[in-house]
Amino acid sequence: MRRLRLILALAALLLAAACGSGGAPEAIPQPQPVTVESVGHYCGMALNEHNGPKGQLFLTGRAAPVWFSSIKQVFAYTLLPEEPKTISAIYVNDMSTAGPDGVPDPAAWVEARQAFYVIEGGFIGGMGAEDAMPFSRRADAESFAQAHGGRVVPFADVPEAYVFTQ
């Protein structure tokens, strides 16, 4: 009888653990500033040593962001089957706030899935290859594409073939 109670108690604990704590859902992490410790996930290099817009991604249960030196790398992470899919937030620099010199405001971030991207425009990003330009406002993306070439697409419509080309 004692053994049966022990088994039932363990089963109840496992069931309670599987159901979760019943508390509030985990808060969506806010974008973090790029610091000297911010290192690109794929290149292993300091982000503050690269030009162009950057990206950061948060995984559920992990406080520190995963950093990216280019926007294409953000897309690659979401597409590669070997990368975790427990993504709670993705942010990219908002080029709608860039100055006249085209340098992104390091404090201006937009949720990546809400941004508009100029692709196939020949912009050379932080890793020395053609990269996408993210904007919070579609009108800004359209103006950039008209002035510099390329086309505007939302996050969900960025082609996989574009992401994995140099």
C-alpha atoms as a PDB file:
ATOM      1  CA  MET A   1       0.000   0.000   0.000  1.00  0.00           C
ATOM      2  CA  ARG A   2       2.807   2.388   0.882  1.00  0.00           C
ATOM      3  CA  ARG A   3       4.449   1.707  -2.465  1.00  0.00           C
ATOM      4  CA  LEU A   4       1.178   2.476  -4.285  1.00  0.00           C
ATOM      5  CA  ARG A   5       0.886   5.836  -2.477  1.00  0.00           C
ATOM      6  CA  LEU A   6       4.469   6.675  -3.410  1.00  0.00           C
ATOM      7  CA  ILE A   7       3.792   5.875  -7.074  1.00  0.00           C
ATOM      8  CA  LEU A   8       0.590   7.943  -7.043  1.00  0.00           C
ATOM      9  CA  ALA A   9       2.392  10.868  -5.386  1.00  0.00           C
ATOM     10  CA  LEU A  10       5.156  10.768  -8.009  1.00  0.00           C
ATOM     11  CA  ALA A  11       2.579  10.589 -10.803  1.00  0.00           C
ATOM     12  CA  ALA A  12       0.788  13.637  -9.363  1.00  0.00           C
ATOM     13  CA  LEU A  13       4.071  15.578  -9.210  1.00  0.00           C
ATOM     14  CA  LEU A  14       4.884  14.697 -12.815  1.00  0.00           C
ATOM     15  CA  LEU A  15       1.406  15.719 -13.937  1.00  0.00           C
ATOM     16  CA  ALA A  16       1.652  19.038 -12.082  1.00  0.00           C
ATOM     17  CA  ALA A  17       5.065  19.710 -13.640  1.00  0.00           C
ATOM     18  CA  ALA A  18       3.721  18.956 -17.117  1.00  0.00           C
ATOM     19  CA  CYS A  19       0.875  21.428 -16.651  1.00  0.00           C
ATOM     20  CA  GLY A  20       3.214  24.263 -15.723  1.00  0.00           C
ATOM     21  CA  SER A  21       3.059  26.576 -12.776  1.00  0.00           C
ATOM     22  CA  GLY A  22      -0.236  28.127 -13.820  1.00  0.00           C
ATOM     23  CA  GLY A  23       1.333  31.567 -13.456  1.00  0.00           C
ATOM     24  CA  ALA A  24       1.374  34.380 -15.959  1.00  0.00           C
ATOM     25  CA  PRO A  25       3.003  33.705 -19.341  1.00  0.00           C
ATOM     26  CA  GLU A  26       6.637  34.710 -19.718  1.00  0.00           C
ATOM     27  CA  ALA A  27       7.019  38.397 -20.600  1.00  0.00           C
ATOM     28  CA  ILE A  28       8.304  39.206 -24.077  1.00  0.00           C
ATOM     29  CA  PRO A  29      11.931  40.327 -23.733  1.00  0.00           C
ATOM     30  CA  GLN A  30      12.777  43.855 -24.800  1.00  0.00           C
ATOM     31  CA  PRO A  31      15.644  44.608 -27.202  1.00  0.00           C
ATOM     32  CA  GLN A  32      19.049  45.036 -25.605  1.00  0.00           C
ATOM     33  CA  PRO A  33      21.696  47.614 -26.505  1.00  0.00           C
ATOM     34  CA  VAL A  34      24.747  46.465 -28.438  1.00  0.00           C
ATOM     35  CA  THR A  35      27.731  46.415 -26.083  1.00  0.00           C
ATOM     36  CA  VAL A  36      31.372  45.406 -26.434  1.00  0.00           C
ATOM     37  CA  GLU A  37      30.287  41.927 -25.279  1.00  0.00           C
ATOM     38  CA  SER A  38      27.732  41.556 -28.114  1.00  0.00           C
ATOM     39  CA  VAL A  39      29.170  38.893 -30.410  1.00  0.00           C
ATOM     40  CA  GLY A  40      27.645  37.602 -33.640  1.00  0.00           C
ATOM     41  CA  HIS A  41      26.222  34.086 -33.395  1.00  0.00           C
ATOM     42  CA  TYR A  42      27.671  32.879 -36.705  1.00  0.00           C
ATOM     43  CA  CYS A  43      30.807  34.999 -37.122  1.00  0.00           C
ATOM     44  CA  GLY A  44      31.970  35.198 -33.487  1.00  0.00           C
ATOM     45  CA  MET A  45      32.955  38.832 -34.017  1.00  0.00           C
ATOM     46  CA  ALA A  46      32.024  41.935 -32.020  1.00  0.00           C
ATOM     47  CA  LEU A  47      28.917  43.613 -33.457  1.00  0.00           C
ATOM     48  CA  ASN A  48      30.200  47.106 -32.786  1.00  0.00           C
ATOM     49  CA  GLU A  49      32.960  46.427 -35.344  1.00  0.00           C
ATOM     50  CA  HIS A  50      30.471  45.997 -38.216  1.00  0.00           C
ATOM     51  CA  ASN A  51      28.520  48.535 -40.248  1.00  0.00           C
ATOM     52  CA  GLY A  52      24.866  48.238 -41.139  1.00  0.00           C
ATOM     53  CA  PRO A  53      21.793  47.023 -39.281  1.00  0.00           C
ATOM     54  CA  LYS A  54      22.067  44.224 -36.720  1.00  0.00           C
ATOM     55  CA  GLY A  55      19.683  41.717 -35.241  1.00  0.00           C
ATOM     56  CA  GLN A  56      18.968  40.055 -31.917  1.00  0.00           C
ATOM     57  CA  LEU A  57      16.782  37.127 -31.073  1.00  0.00           C
ATOM     58  CA  PHE A  58      15.555  35.772 -27.746  1.00  0.00           C
ATOM     59  CA  LEU A  59      14.923  32.125 -26.961  1.00  0.00           C
ATOM     60  CA  THR A  60      12.338  31.100 -24.369  1.00  0.00           C
ATOM     61  CA  GLY A  61      13.990  30.636 -20.984  1.00  0.00           C
ATOM     62  CA  ARG A  62      17.215  32.427 -21.962  1.00  0.00           C
ATOM     63  CA  ALA A  63      17.765  36.009 -20.792  1.00  0.00           C
ATOM     64  CA  ALA A  64      20.659  36.937 -23.088  1.00  0.00           C
ATOM     65  CA  PRO A  65      19.949  37.621 -26.765  1.00  0.00           C
ATOM     66  CA  VAL A  66      21.475  35.750 -29.669  1.00  0.00           C
ATOM     67  CA  TRP A  67      23.232  38.454 -31.722  1.00  0.00           C
ATOM     68  CA  PHE A  68      23.590  38.775 -35.500  1.00  0.00           C
ATOM     69  CA  SER A  69      25.973  40.939 -37.523  1.00  0.00           C
ATOM     70  CA  SER A  70      23.637  41.094 -40.516  1.00  0.00           C
ATOM     71  CA  ILE A  71      19.931  40.846 -41.250  1.00  0.00           C
ATOM     72  CA  LYS A  72      20.275  37.824 -43.532  1.00  0.00           C
ATOM     73  CA  GLN A  73      21.752  35.941 -40.557  1.00  0.00           C
ATOM     74  CA  VAL A  74      18.559  36.609 -38.579  1.00  0.00           C
ATOM     75  CA  PHE A  75      16.517  34.992 -41.348  1.00  0.00           C
ATOM     76  CA  ALA A  76      18.976  32.102 -41.668  1.00  0.00           C
ATOM     77  CA  TYR A  77      18.632  31.315 -37.964  1.00  0.00           C
ATOM     78  CA  THR A  78      14.857  31.094 -38.270  1.00  0.00           C
ATOM     79  CA  LEU A  79      15.080  28.860 -41.357  1.00  0.00           C
ATOM     80  CA  LEU A  80      17.874  26.428 -40.480  1.00  0.00           C
ATOM     81  CA  PRO A  81      16.418  23.200 -39.057  1.00  0.00           C
ATOM     82  CA  GLU A  82      19.271  22.723 -36.584  1.00  0.00           C
ATOM     83  CA  GLU A  83      18.636  26.030 -34.791  1.00  0.00           C
ATOM     84  CA  PRO A  84      16.210  26.173 -31.822  1.00  0.00           C
ATOM     85  CA  LYS A  85      12.640  27.182 -32.654  1.00  0.00           C
ATOM     86  CA  THR A  86      11.690  28.416 -29.168  1.00  0.00           C
ATOM     87  CA  ILE A  87      11.934  32.039 -30.307  1.00  0.00           C
ATOM     88  CA  SER A  88      10.134  34.513 -28.065  1.00  0.00           C
ATOM     89  CA  ALA A  89      11.188  37.742 -29.820  1.00  0.00           C
ATOM     90  CA  ILE A  90      13.248  38.926 -32.785  1.00  0.00           C
ATOM     91  CA  TYR A  91      14.460  42.502 -33.232  1.00  0.00           C
ATOM     92  CA  VAL A  92      16.317  44.280 -36.031  1.00  0.00           C
ATOM     93  CA  ASN A  93      17.677  47.808 -36.233  1.00  0.00           C
ATOM     94  CA  ASP A  94      15.010  50.185 -37.535  1.00  0.00           C
ATOM     95  CA  MET A  95      16.416  51.942 -40.575  1.00  0.00           C
ATOM     96  CA  SER A  96      13.398  54.299 -40.535  1.00  0.00           C
ATOM     97  CA  THR A  97      15.312  56.170 -37.828  1.00  0.00           C
ATOM     98  CA  ALA A  98      18.718  56.158 -39.579  1.00  0.00           C
ATOM     99  CA  GLY A  99      20.425  59.488 -40.028  1.00  0.00           C
ATOM    100  CA  PRO A 100      21.235  61.074 -43.401  1.00  0.00           C
ATOM    101  CA  ASP A 101      24.516  59.132 -43.422  1.00  0.00           C
ATOM    102  CA  GLY A 102      22.537  55.866 -43.446  1.00  0.00           C
ATOM    103  CA  VAL A 103      23.996  54.655 -40.155  1.00  0.00           C
ATOM    104  CA  PRO A 104      21.387  52.840 -38.040  1.00  0.00           C
ATOM    105  CA  ASP A 105      20.509  54.288 -34.663  1.00  0.00           C
ATOM    106  CA  PRO A 106      21.942  51.634 -32.311  1.00  0.00           C
ATOM    107  CA  ALA A 107      19.058  52.216 -29.873  1.00  0.00           C
ATOM    108  CA  ALA A 108      16.262  51.922 -32.469  1.00  0.00           C
ATOM    109  CA  TRP A 109      14.840  48.415 -32.783  1.00  0.00           C
ATOM    110  CA  VAL A 110      11.718  47.049 -34.432  1.00  0.00           C
ATOM    111  CA  GLU A 111      10.127  43.625 -33.954  1.00  0.00           C
ATOM    112  CA  ALA A 112      11.476  41.784 -36.999  1.00  0.00           C
ATOM    113  CA  ARG A 113       8.182  40.140 -37.934  1.00  0.00           C
ATOM    114  CA  GLN A 114       6.542  43.598 -38.102  1.00  0.00           C
ATOM    115  CA  ALA A 115       9.255  45.214 -40.250  1.00  0.00           C
ATOM    116  CA  PHE A 116       9.412  45.772 -44.009  1.00  0.00           C
ATOM    117  CA  TYR A 117      12.600  44.722 -45.801  1.00  0.00           C
ATOM    118  CA  VAL A 118      14.297  46.083 -48.891  1.00  0.00           C
ATOM    119  CA  ILE A 119      15.898  43.069 -50.544  1.00  0.00           C
ATOM    120  CA  GLU A 120      17.851  42.579 -53.770  1.00  0.00           C
ATOM    121  CA  GLY A 121      18.960  46.193 -53.644  1.00  0.00           C
ATOM    122  CA  GLY A 122      22.698  45.696 -53.488  1.00  0.00           C
ATOM    123  CA  PHE A 123      23.129  47.206 -50.005  1.00  0.00           C
ATOM    124  CA  ILE A 124      26.389  45.876 -48.524  1.00  0.00           C
ATOM    125  CA  GLY A 125      25.846  44.986 -44.878  1.00  0.00           C
ATOM    126  CA  GLY A 126      28.028  44.423 -41.865  1.00  0.00           C
ATOM    127  CA  MET A 127      29.559  41.185 -43.123  1.00  0.00           C
ATOM    128  CA  GLY A 128      30.654  42.662 -46.460  1.00  0.00           C
ATOM    129  CA  ALA A 129      27.885  40.975 -48.470  1.00  0.00           C
ATOM    130  CA  GLU A 130      24.540  42.098 -49.885  1.00  0.00           C
ATOM    131  CA  ASP A 131      22.012  42.395 -47.056  1.00  0.00           C
ATOM    132  CA  ALA A 132      18.387  43.300 -46.376  1.00  0.00           C
ATOM    133  CA  MET A 133      17.443  46.695 -44.975  1.00  0.00           C
ATOM    134  CA  PRO A 134      14.711  46.647 -42.261  1.00  0.00           C
ATOM    135  CA  PHE A 135      12.250  49.513 -41.781  1.00  0.00           C
ATOM    136  CA  SER A 136       9.402  49.978 -39.313  1.00  0.00           C
ATOM    137  CA  ARG A 137       7.447  52.042 -41.859  1.00  0.00           C
ATOM    138  CA  ARG A 138       6.602  50.698 -45.304  1.00  0.00           C
ATOM    139  CA  ALA A 139       6.783  54.213 -46.819  1.00  0.00           C
ATOM    140  CA  ASP A 140      10.415  54.535 -45.679  1.00  0.00           C
ATOM    141  CA  ALA A 141      11.235  51.147 -47.177  1.00  0.00           C
ATOM    142  CA  GLU A 142       9.563  52.129 -50.467  1.00  0.00           C
ATOM    143  CA  SER A 143      11.529  55.407 -50.577  1.00  0.00           C
ATOM    144  CA  PHE A 144      14.789  53.572 -49.922  1.00  0.00           C
ATOM    145  CA  ALA A 145      14.031  50.994 -52.636  1.00  0.00           C
ATOM    146  CA  GLN A 146      13.144  53.734 -55.114  1.00  0.00           C
ATOM    147  CA  ALA A 147      16.409  55.566 -54.413  1.00  0.00           C
ATOM    148  CA  HIS A 148      18.732  52.539 -54.151  1.00  0.00           C
ATOM    149  CA  GLY A 149      16.994  49.689 -55.971  1.00  0.00           C
ATOM    150  CA  GLY A 150      15.464  46.498 -54.668  1.00  0.00           C
ATOM    151  CA  ARG A 151      11.962  45.546 -53.643  1.00  0.00           C
ATOM    152  CA  VAL A 152       9.999  45.725 -50.393  1.00  0.00           C
ATOM    153  CA  VAL A 153       8.691  42.594 -48.672  1.00  0.00           C
ATOM    154  CA  PRO A 154       7.388  41.743 -45.198  1.00  0.00           C
ATOM    155  CA  PHE A 155       9.256  39.255 -42.976  1.00  0.00           C
ATOM    156  CA  ALA A 156       7.149  36.263 -44.057  1.00  0.00           C
ATOM    157  CA  ASP A 157       7.805  36.931 -47.760  1.00  0.00           C
ATOM    158  CA  VAL A 158      11.616  37.083 -47.693  1.00  0.00           C
ATOM    159  CA  PRO A 159      12.563  34.196 -50.019  1.00  0.00           C
ATOM    160  CA  GLU A 160      14.752  31.415 -48.651  1.00  0.00           C
ATOM    161  CA  ALA A 161      16.829  31.553 -51.855  1.00  0.00           C
ATOM    162  CA  TYR A 162      17.594  35.223 -51.108  1.00  0.00           C
ATOM    163  CA  VAL A 163      18.668  34.468 -47.528  1.00  0.00           C
ATOM    164  CA  PHE A 164      21.165  31.801 -48.547  1.00  0.00           C
ATOM    165  CA  THR A 165      22.825  33.657 -51.447  1.00  0.00           C
ATOM    166  CA  GLN A 166      25.952  35.763 -51.133  1.00  0.00           C
END
